[in-house]
mmCIF file of all heavy atoms, coordinates in Angstrom:
data_MODEL
# 
_entry.id   MODEL 
# 
loop_
_atom_site.group_PDB 
_atom_site.id 
_atom_site.type_symbol 
_atom_site.label_atom_id 
_atom_site.label_alt_id 
_atom_site.label_comp_id 
_atom_site.label_asym_id 
_atom_site.label_entity_id 
_atom_site.label_seq_id 
_atom_site.pdbx_PDB_ins_code 
_atom_site.Cartn_x 
_atom_site.Cartn_y 
_atom_site.Cartn_z 
_atom_site.occupancy 
_atom_site.B_iso_or_equiv 
_atom_site.pdbx_formal_charge 
_atom_site.auth_seq_id 
_atom_site.auth_comp_id 
_atom_site.auth_asym_id 
_atom_site.auth_atom_id 
_atom_site.pdbx_PDB_model_num 
ATOM 1   N N   . ALA A 1 1  ? 0.771  -1.243 -0.048 1.00 0.00 ? 1  ALA A N   1 
ATOM 2   C CA  . ALA A 1 1  ? -0.072 -0.014 -0.020 1.00 0.00 ? 1  ALA A CA  1 
ATOM 3   C C   . ALA A 1 1  ? 0.813  1.267  0.033  1.00 0.00 ? 1  ALA A C   1 
ATOM 4   O O   . ALA A 1 1  ? 0.555  2.246  -0.739 1.00 0.00 ? 1  ALA A O   1 
ATOM 5   C CB  . ALA A 1 1  ? -0.898 -0.044 1.223  1.00 0.00 ? 1  ALA A CB  1 
ATOM 6   N N   . ALA A 1 2  ? 1.925  1.168  0.785  1.00 0.00 ? 2  ALA A N   1 
ATOM 7   C CA  . ALA A 1 2  ? 2.863  2.391  0.847  1.00 0.00 ? 2  ALA A CA  1 
ATOM 8   C C   . ALA A 1 2  ? 3.569  2.557  -0.526 1.00 0.00 ? 2  ALA A C   1 
ATOM 9   O O   . ALA A 1 2  ? 3.730  3.727  -0.949 1.00 0.00 ? 2  ALA A O   1 
ATOM 10  C CB  . ALA A 1 2  ? 3.850  2.211  1.932  1.00 0.00 ? 2  ALA A CB  1 
ATOM 11  N N   . ARG A 1 3  ? 3.899  1.446  -1.098 1.00 0.00 ? 3  ARG A N   1 
ATOM 12  C CA  . ARG A 1 3  ? 4.622  1.518  -2.427 1.00 0.00 ? 3  ARG A CA  1 
ATOM 13  C C   . ARG A 1 3  ? 3.693  2.112  -3.476 1.00 0.00 ? 3  ARG A C   1 
ATOM 14  O O   . ARG A 1 3  ? 4.034  2.849  -4.376 1.00 0.00 ? 3  ARG A O   1 
ATOM 15  C CB  . ARG A 1 3  ? 5.086  0.126  -2.839 1.00 0.00 ? 3  ARG A CB  1 
ATOM 16  C CG  . ARG A 1 3  ? 6.205  0.147  -3.904 1.00 0.00 ? 3  ARG A CG  1 
ATOM 17  C CD  . ARG A 1 3  ? 6.690  -1.215 -4.189 1.00 0.00 ? 3  ARG A CD  1 
ATOM 18  N NE  . ARG A 1 3  ? 7.276  -1.785 -3.022 1.00 0.00 ? 3  ARG A NE  1 
ATOM 19  C CZ  . ARG A 1 3  ? 7.273  -3.056 -2.644 1.00 0.00 ? 3  ARG A CZ  1 
ATOM 20  N NH1 . ARG A 1 3  ? 6.686  -3.957 -3.473 1.00 0.00 ? 3  ARG A NH1 1 
ATOM 21  N NH2 . ARG A 1 3  ? 7.880  -3.526 -1.653 1.00 0.00 ? 3  ARG A NH2 1 
ATOM 22  N N   . ALA A 1 4  ? 2.327  1.834  -3.437 1.00 0.00 ? 4  ALA A N   1 
ATOM 23  C CA  . ALA A 1 4  ? 1.391  2.326  -4.269 1.00 0.00 ? 4  ALA A CA  1 
ATOM 24  C C   . ALA A 1 4  ? 1.280  3.786  -4.235 1.00 0.00 ? 4  ALA A C   1 
ATOM 25  O O   . ALA A 1 4  ? 1.228  4.602  -5.250 1.00 0.00 ? 4  ALA A O   1 
ATOM 26  C CB  . ALA A 1 4  ? 0.017  1.669  -4.029 1.00 0.00 ? 4  ALA A CB  1 
ATOM 27  N N   . VAL A 1 5  ? 1.366  4.431  -3.013 1.00 0.00 ? 5  VAL A N   1 
ATOM 28  C CA  . VAL A 1 5  ? 1.385  5.856  -2.821 1.00 0.00 ? 5  VAL A CA  1 
ATOM 29  C C   . VAL A 1 5  ? 2.682  6.358  -3.385 1.00 0.00 ? 5  VAL A C   1 
ATOM 30  O O   . VAL A 1 5  ? 2.652  7.517  -3.953 1.00 0.00 ? 5  VAL A O   1 
ATOM 31  C CB  . VAL A 1 5  ? 1.183  6.098  -1.352 1.00 0.00 ? 5  VAL A CB  1 
ATOM 32  C CG1 . VAL A 1 5  ? 1.304  7.642  -1.113 1.00 0.00 ? 5  VAL A CG1 1 
ATOM 33  C CG2 . VAL A 1 5  ? -0.158 5.693  -0.805 1.00 0.00 ? 5  VAL A CG2 1 
ATOM 34  N N   . LYS A 1 6  ? 3.759  5.716  -3.038 1.00 0.00 ? 6  LYS A N   1 
ATOM 35  C CA  . LYS A 1 6  ? 5.080  6.260  -3.527 1.00 0.00 ? 6  LYS A CA  1 
ATOM 36  C C   . LYS A 1 6  ? 5.093  6.306  -5.099 1.00 0.00 ? 6  LYS A C   1 
ATOM 37  O O   . LYS A 1 6  ? 5.627  7.373  -5.685 1.00 0.00 ? 6  LYS A O   1 
ATOM 38  C CB  . LYS A 1 6  ? 6.197  5.286  -3.028 1.00 0.00 ? 6  LYS A CB  1 
ATOM 39  C CG  . LYS A 1 6  ? 7.520  5.504  -3.718 1.00 0.00 ? 6  LYS A CG  1 
ATOM 40  C CD  . LYS A 1 6  ? 8.232  6.863  -3.248 1.00 0.00 ? 6  LYS A CD  1 
ATOM 41  C CE  . LYS A 1 6  ? 9.636  6.906  -3.653 1.00 0.00 ? 6  LYS A CE  1 
ATOM 42  N NZ  . LYS A 1 6  ? 10.206 8.263  -3.332 1.00 0.00 ? 6  LYS A NZ  1 
ATOM 43  N N   . GLU A 1 7  ? 4.541  5.368  -5.696 1.00 0.00 ? 7  GLU A N   1 
ATOM 44  C CA  . GLU A 1 7  ? 4.604  5.348  -7.221 1.00 0.00 ? 7  GLU A CA  1 
ATOM 45  C C   . GLU A 1 7  ? 3.405  6.112  -7.871 1.00 0.00 ? 7  GLU A C   1 
ATOM 46  O O   . GLU A 1 7  ? 3.209  6.118  -9.060 1.00 0.00 ? 7  GLU A O   1 
ATOM 47  C CB  . GLU A 1 7  ? 4.515  3.863  -7.647 1.00 0.00 ? 7  GLU A CB  1 
ATOM 48  C CG  . GLU A 1 7  ? 5.825  3.118  -7.178 1.00 0.00 ? 7  GLU A CG  1 
ATOM 49  C CD  . GLU A 1 7  ? 5.785  1.599  -7.476 1.00 0.00 ? 7  GLU A CD  1 
ATOM 50  O OE1 . GLU A 1 7  ? 4.679  1.103  -7.944 1.00 0.00 ? 7  GLU A OE1 1 
ATOM 51  O OE2 . GLU A 1 7  ? 6.748  0.931  -7.190 1.00 0.00 ? 7  GLU A OE2 1 
ATOM 52  N N   . GLY A 1 8  ? 2.631  6.848  -7.104 1.00 0.00 ? 8  GLY A N   1 
ATOM 53  C CA  . GLY A 1 8  ? 1.541  7.586  -7.611 1.00 0.00 ? 8  GLY A CA  1 
ATOM 54  C C   . GLY A 1 8  ? 0.306  6.818  -8.009 1.00 0.00 ? 8  GLY A C   1 
ATOM 55  O O   . GLY A 1 8  ? -0.612 7.420  -8.622 1.00 0.00 ? 8  GLY A O   1 
ATOM 56  N N   . GLU A 1 9  ? 0.142  5.585  -7.606 1.00 0.00 ? 9  GLU A N   1 
ATOM 57  C CA  . GLU A 1 9  ? -0.977 4.813  -7.908 1.00 0.00 ? 9  GLU A CA  1 
ATOM 58  C C   . GLU A 1 9  ? -2.161 5.120  -6.923 1.00 0.00 ? 9  GLU A C   1 
ATOM 59  O O   . GLU A 1 9  ? -3.346 4.725  -7.254 1.00 0.00 ? 9  GLU A O   1 
ATOM 60  C CB  . GLU A 1 9  ? -0.680 3.341  -7.878 1.00 0.00 ? 9  GLU A CB  1 
ATOM 61  C CG  . GLU A 1 9  ? 0.381  2.890  -8.953 1.00 0.00 ? 9  GLU A CG  1 
ATOM 62  C CD  . GLU A 1 9  ? 0.840  1.450  -8.740 1.00 0.00 ? 9  GLU A CD  1 
ATOM 63  O OE1 . GLU A 1 9  ? 0.256  0.812  -7.896 1.00 0.00 ? 9  GLU A OE1 1 
ATOM 64  O OE2 . GLU A 1 9  ? 1.737  1.019  -9.542 1.00 0.00 ? 9  GLU A OE2 1 
ATOM 65  N N   . ALA A 1 10 ? -1.815 5.665  -5.819 1.00 0.00 ? 10 ALA A N   1 
ATOM 66  C CA  . ALA A 1 10 ? -2.828 6.058  -4.818 1.00 0.00 ? 10 ALA A CA  1 
ATOM 67  C C   . ALA A 1 10 ? -2.450 7.445  -4.199 1.00 0.00 ? 10 ALA A C   1 
ATOM 68  O O   . ALA A 1 10 ? -1.273 7.804  -4.242 1.00 0.00 ? 10 ALA A O   1 
ATOM 69  C CB  . ALA A 1 10 ? -2.946 5.018  -3.728 1.00 0.00 ? 10 ALA A CB  1 
ATOM 70  N N   . ASP A 1 11 ? -3.426 8.159  -3.669 1.00 0.00 ? 11 ASP A N   1 
ATOM 71  C CA  . ASP A 1 11 ? -3.198 9.453  -3.144 1.00 0.00 ? 11 ASP A CA  1 
ATOM 72  C C   . ASP A 1 11 ? -2.857 9.385  -1.642 1.00 0.00 ? 11 ASP A C   1 
ATOM 73  O O   . ASP A 1 11 ? -2.274 10.457 -1.141 1.00 0.00 ? 11 ASP A O   1 
ATOM 74  C CB  . ASP A 1 11 ? -4.385 10.362 -3.424 1.00 0.00 ? 11 ASP A CB  1 
ATOM 75  C CG  . ASP A 1 11 ? -4.694 10.459 -4.929 1.00 0.00 ? 11 ASP A CG  1 
ATOM 76  O OD1 . ASP A 1 11 ? -3.830 10.854 -5.635 1.00 0.00 ? 11 ASP A OD1 1 
ATOM 77  O OD2 . ASP A 1 11 ? -5.826 10.107 -5.292 1.00 0.00 ? 11 ASP A OD2 1 
ATOM 78  N N   . ALA A 1 12 ? -3.278 8.408  -0.952 1.00 0.00 ? 12 ALA A N   1 
ATOM 79  C CA  . ALA A 1 12 ? -3.109 8.351  0.557  1.00 0.00 ? 12 ALA A CA  1 
ATOM 80  C C   . ALA A 1 12 ? -3.070 6.870  0.956  1.00 0.00 ? 12 ALA A C   1 
ATOM 81  O O   . ALA A 1 12 ? -3.489 5.970  0.250  1.00 0.00 ? 12 ALA A O   1 
ATOM 82  C CB  . ALA A 1 12 ? -4.317 9.089  1.204  1.00 0.00 ? 12 ALA A CB  1 
ATOM 83  N N   . LEU A 1 13 ? -2.499 6.658  2.193  1.00 0.00 ? 13 LEU A N   1 
ATOM 84  C CA  . LEU A 1 13 ? -2.345 5.397  2.796  1.00 0.00 ? 13 LEU A CA  1 
ATOM 85  C C   . LEU A 1 13 ? -3.131 5.289  4.071  1.00 0.00 ? 13 LEU A C   1 
ATOM 86  O O   . LEU A 1 13 ? -3.040 6.172  4.922  1.00 0.00 ? 13 LEU A O   1 
ATOM 87  C CB  . LEU A 1 13 ? -0.835 5.050  3.018  1.00 0.00 ? 13 LEU A CB  1 
ATOM 88  C CG  . LEU A 1 13 ? -0.540 3.835  3.946  1.00 0.00 ? 13 LEU A CG  1 
ATOM 89  C CD1 . LEU A 1 13 ? -1.109 2.557  3.376  1.00 0.00 ? 13 LEU A CD1 1 
ATOM 90  C CD2 . LEU A 1 13 ? 0.970  3.773  4.130  1.00 0.00 ? 13 LEU A CD2 1 
ATOM 91  N N   . PHE A 1 14 ? -3.940 4.300  4.203  1.00 0.00 ? 14 PHE A N   1 
ATOM 92  C CA  . PHE A 1 14 ? -4.654 4.079  5.434  1.00 0.00 ? 14 PHE A CA  1 
ATOM 93  C C   . PHE A 1 14 ? -4.369 2.688  6.114  1.00 0.00 ? 14 PHE A C   1 
ATOM 94  O O   . PHE A 1 14 ? -4.313 1.754  5.372  1.00 0.00 ? 14 PHE A O   1 
ATOM 95  C CB  . PHE A 1 14 ? -6.208 4.131  5.267  1.00 0.00 ? 14 PHE A CB  1 
ATOM 96  C CG  . PHE A 1 14 ? -7.079 3.595  6.275  1.00 0.00 ? 14 PHE A CG  1 
ATOM 97  C CD1 . PHE A 1 14 ? -7.096 4.340  7.550  1.00 0.00 ? 14 PHE A CD1 1 
ATOM 98  C CD2 . PHE A 1 14 ? -7.686 2.426  6.203  1.00 0.00 ? 14 PHE A CD2 1 
ATOM 99  C CE1 . PHE A 1 14 ? -7.916 3.734  8.501  1.00 0.00 ? 14 PHE A CE1 1 
ATOM 100 C CE2 . PHE A 1 14 ? -8.470 1.918  7.224  1.00 0.00 ? 14 PHE A CE2 1 
ATOM 101 C CZ  . PHE A 1 14 ? -8.568 2.575  8.381  1.00 0.00 ? 14 PHE A CZ  1 
ATOM 102 N N   . SER A 1 15 ? -4.138 2.755  7.420  1.00 0.00 ? 15 SER A N   1 
ATOM 103 C CA  . SER A 1 15 ? -3.908 1.455  8.089  1.00 0.00 ? 15 SER A CA  1 
ATOM 104 C C   . SER A 1 15 ? -4.283 1.539  9.525  1.00 0.00 ? 15 SER A C   1 
ATOM 105 O O   . SER A 1 15 ? -4.331 2.622  10.168 1.00 0.00 ? 15 SER A O   1 
ATOM 106 C CB  . SER A 1 15 ? -2.397 1.133  8.029  1.00 0.00 ? 15 SER A CB  1 
ATOM 107 O OG  . SER A 1 15 ? -2.105 -0.099 8.783  1.00 0.00 ? 15 SER A OG  1 
ATOM 108 N N   . ALA A 1 16 ? -4.625 0.420  10.100 1.00 0.00 ? 16 ALA A N   1 
ATOM 109 C CA  . ALA A 1 16 ? -4.950 0.272  11.539 1.00 0.00 ? 16 ALA A CA  1 
ATOM 110 C C   . ALA A 1 16 ? -3.908 -0.637 12.202 1.00 0.00 ? 16 ALA A C   1 
ATOM 111 O O   . ALA A 1 16 ? -4.091 -1.107 13.255 1.00 0.00 ? 16 ALA A O   1 
ATOM 112 C CB  . ALA A 1 16 ? -6.358 -0.309 11.748 1.00 0.00 ? 16 ALA A CB  1 
ATOM 113 N N   . GLY A 1 17 ? -2.839 -0.886 11.410 1.00 0.00 ? 17 GLY A N   1 
ATOM 114 C CA  . GLY A 1 17 ? -1.808 -1.867 11.911 1.00 0.00 ? 17 GLY A CA  1 
ATOM 115 C C   . GLY A 1 17 ? -0.735 -1.265 12.720 1.00 0.00 ? 17 GLY A C   1 
ATOM 116 O O   . GLY A 1 17 ? -0.881 -0.143 13.343 1.00 0.00 ? 17 GLY A O   1 
ATOM 117 N N   . ASN A 1 18 ? 0.422  -1.956 12.825 1.00 0.00 ? 18 ASN A N   1 
ATOM 118 C CA  . ASN A 1 18 ? 1.568  -1.642 13.667 1.00 0.00 ? 18 ASN A CA  1 
ATOM 119 C C   . ASN A 1 18 ? 2.011  -0.165 13.466 1.00 0.00 ? 18 ASN A C   1 
ATOM 120 O O   . ASN A 1 18 ? 2.375  0.234  12.290 1.00 0.00 ? 18 ASN A O   1 
ATOM 121 C CB  . ASN A 1 18 ? 2.645  -2.603 13.303 1.00 0.00 ? 18 ASN A CB  1 
ATOM 122 C CG  . ASN A 1 18 ? 3.922  -2.477 14.092 1.00 0.00 ? 18 ASN A CG  1 
ATOM 123 O OD1 . ASN A 1 18 ? 4.365  -1.373 14.393 1.00 0.00 ? 18 ASN A OD1 1 
ATOM 124 N ND2 . ASN A 1 18 ? 4.516  -3.537 14.547 1.00 0.00 ? 18 ASN A ND2 1 
ATOM 125 N N   . THR A 1 19 ? 1.893  0.665  14.444 1.00 0.00 ? 19 THR A N   1 
ATOM 126 C CA  . THR A 1 19 ? 2.209  2.081  14.349 1.00 0.00 ? 19 THR A CA  1 
ATOM 127 C C   . THR A 1 19 ? 3.621  2.307  13.943 1.00 0.00 ? 19 THR A C   1 
ATOM 128 O O   . THR A 1 19 ? 3.880  3.176  13.086 1.00 0.00 ? 19 THR A O   1 
ATOM 129 C CB  . THR A 1 19 ? 1.850  2.820  15.584 1.00 0.00 ? 19 THR A CB  1 
ATOM 130 O OG1 . THR A 1 19 ? 0.516  2.665  16.058 1.00 0.00 ? 19 THR A OG1 1 
ATOM 131 C CG2 . THR A 1 19 ? 2.134  4.330  15.503 1.00 0.00 ? 19 THR A CG2 1 
ATOM 132 N N   . GLY A 1 20 ? 4.517  1.662  14.646 1.00 0.00 ? 20 GLY A N   1 
ATOM 133 C CA  . GLY A 1 20 ? 5.966  1.790  14.263 1.00 0.00 ? 20 GLY A CA  1 
ATOM 134 C C   . GLY A 1 20 ? 6.220  1.389  12.830 1.00 0.00 ? 20 GLY A C   1 
ATOM 135 O O   . GLY A 1 20 ? 7.052  2.076  12.231 1.00 0.00 ? 20 GLY A O   1 
ATOM 136 N N   . ALA A 1 21 ? 5.710  0.365  12.443 1.00 0.00 ? 21 ALA A N   1 
ATOM 137 C CA  . ALA A 1 21 ? 5.883  -0.156 11.099 1.00 0.00 ? 21 ALA A CA  1 
ATOM 138 C C   . ALA A 1 21 ? 5.326  0.844  10.032 1.00 0.00 ? 21 ALA A C   1 
ATOM 139 O O   . ALA A 1 21 ? 5.883  1.180  8.943  1.00 0.00 ? 21 ALA A O   1 
ATOM 140 C CB  . ALA A 1 21 ? 5.243  -1.543 10.900 1.00 0.00 ? 21 ALA A CB  1 
ATOM 141 N N   . LEU A 1 22 ? 4.168  1.405  10.374 1.00 0.00 ? 22 LEU A N   1 
ATOM 142 C CA  . LEU A 1 22 ? 3.572  2.417  9.479  1.00 0.00 ? 22 LEU A CA  1 
ATOM 143 C C   . LEU A 1 22 ? 4.460  3.668  9.382  1.00 0.00 ? 22 LEU A C   1 
ATOM 144 O O   . LEU A 1 22 ? 4.629  4.206  8.289  1.00 0.00 ? 22 LEU A O   1 
ATOM 145 C CB  . LEU A 1 22 ? 2.151  2.765  9.974  1.00 0.00 ? 22 LEU A CB  1 
ATOM 146 C CG  . LEU A 1 22 ? 1.362  3.734  8.965  1.00 0.00 ? 22 LEU A CG  1 
ATOM 147 C CD1 . LEU A 1 22 ? 1.155  3.026  7.683  1.00 0.00 ? 22 LEU A CD1 1 
ATOM 148 C CD2 . LEU A 1 22 ? 0.034  4.102  9.689  1.00 0.00 ? 22 LEU A CD2 1 
ATOM 149 N N   . LEU A 1 23 ? 5.051  4.083  10.498 1.00 0.00 ? 23 LEU A N   1 
ATOM 150 C CA  . LEU A 1 23 ? 5.875  5.199  10.495 1.00 0.00 ? 23 LEU A CA  1 
ATOM 151 C C   . LEU A 1 23 ? 7.145  4.891  9.633  1.00 0.00 ? 23 LEU A C   1 
ATOM 152 O O   . LEU A 1 23 ? 7.572  5.704  8.808  1.00 0.00 ? 23 LEU A O   1 
ATOM 153 C CB  . LEU A 1 23 ? 6.352  5.572  11.931 1.00 0.00 ? 23 LEU A CB  1 
ATOM 154 C CG  . LEU A 1 23 ? 7.362  6.707  12.052 1.00 0.00 ? 23 LEU A CG  1 
ATOM 155 C CD1 . LEU A 1 23 ? 6.904  7.975  11.405 1.00 0.00 ? 23 LEU A CD1 1 
ATOM 156 C CD2 . LEU A 1 23 ? 7.782  6.881  13.459 1.00 0.00 ? 23 LEU A CD2 1 
ATOM 157 N N   . ALA A 1 24 ? 7.642  3.645  9.815  1.00 0.00 ? 24 ALA A N   1 
ATOM 158 C CA  . ALA A 1 24 ? 8.891  3.180  8.998  1.00 0.00 ? 24 ALA A CA  1 
ATOM 159 C C   . ALA A 1 24 ? 8.483  3.185  7.549  1.00 0.00 ? 24 ALA A C   1 
ATOM 160 O O   . ALA A 1 24 ? 9.314  3.639  6.718  1.00 0.00 ? 24 ALA A O   1 
ATOM 161 C CB  . ALA A 1 24 ? 9.354  1.910  9.500  1.00 0.00 ? 24 ALA A CB  1 
ATOM 162 N N   . ALA A 1 25 ? 7.277  2.653  7.224  1.00 0.00 ? 25 ALA A N   1 
ATOM 163 C CA  . ALA A 1 25 ? 6.867  2.646  5.772  1.00 0.00 ? 25 ALA A CA  1 
ATOM 164 C C   . ALA A 1 25 ? 6.761  4.046  5.227  1.00 0.00 ? 25 ALA A C   1 
ATOM 165 O O   . ALA A 1 25 ? 7.214  4.265  4.077  1.00 0.00 ? 25 ALA A O   1 
ATOM 166 C CB  . ALA A 1 25 ? 5.600  1.829  5.681  1.00 0.00 ? 25 ALA A CB  1 
ATOM 167 N N   . GLY A 1 26 ? 6.250  4.918  6.050  1.00 0.00 ? 26 GLY A N   1 
ATOM 168 C CA  . GLY A 1 26 ? 6.100  6.337  5.568  1.00 0.00 ? 26 GLY A CA  1 
ATOM 169 C C   . GLY A 1 26 ? 7.427  6.933  5.339  1.00 0.00 ? 26 GLY A C   1 
ATOM 170 O O   . GLY A 1 26 ? 7.611  7.598  4.240  1.00 0.00 ? 26 GLY A O   1 
ATOM 171 N N   . LEU A 1 27 ? 8.392  6.753  6.230  1.00 0.00 ? 27 LEU A N   1 
ATOM 172 C CA  . LEU A 1 27 ? 9.732  7.331  6.078  1.00 0.00 ? 27 LEU A CA  1 
ATOM 173 C C   . LEU A 1 27 ? 10.568 6.684  4.991  1.00 0.00 ? 27 LEU A C   1 
ATOM 174 O O   . LEU A 1 27 ? 11.170 7.433  4.161  1.00 0.00 ? 27 LEU A O   1 
ATOM 175 C CB  . LEU A 1 27 ? 10.481 7.334  7.404  1.00 0.00 ? 27 LEU A CB  1 
ATOM 176 C CG  . LEU A 1 27 ? 9.944  8.212  8.516  1.00 0.00 ? 27 LEU A CG  1 
ATOM 177 C CD1 . LEU A 1 27 ? 10.635 7.888  9.878  1.00 0.00 ? 27 LEU A CD1 1 
ATOM 178 C CD2 . LEU A 1 27 ? 10.257 9.672  8.170  1.00 0.00 ? 27 LEU A CD2 1 
# 
């Protein structure tokens, strides 16, 4: 999902998962 946002296939990322992992994916 993060890669899709990075590559412009999506405008935003939503998750209810691991907060630390989501921050890492974002960064």
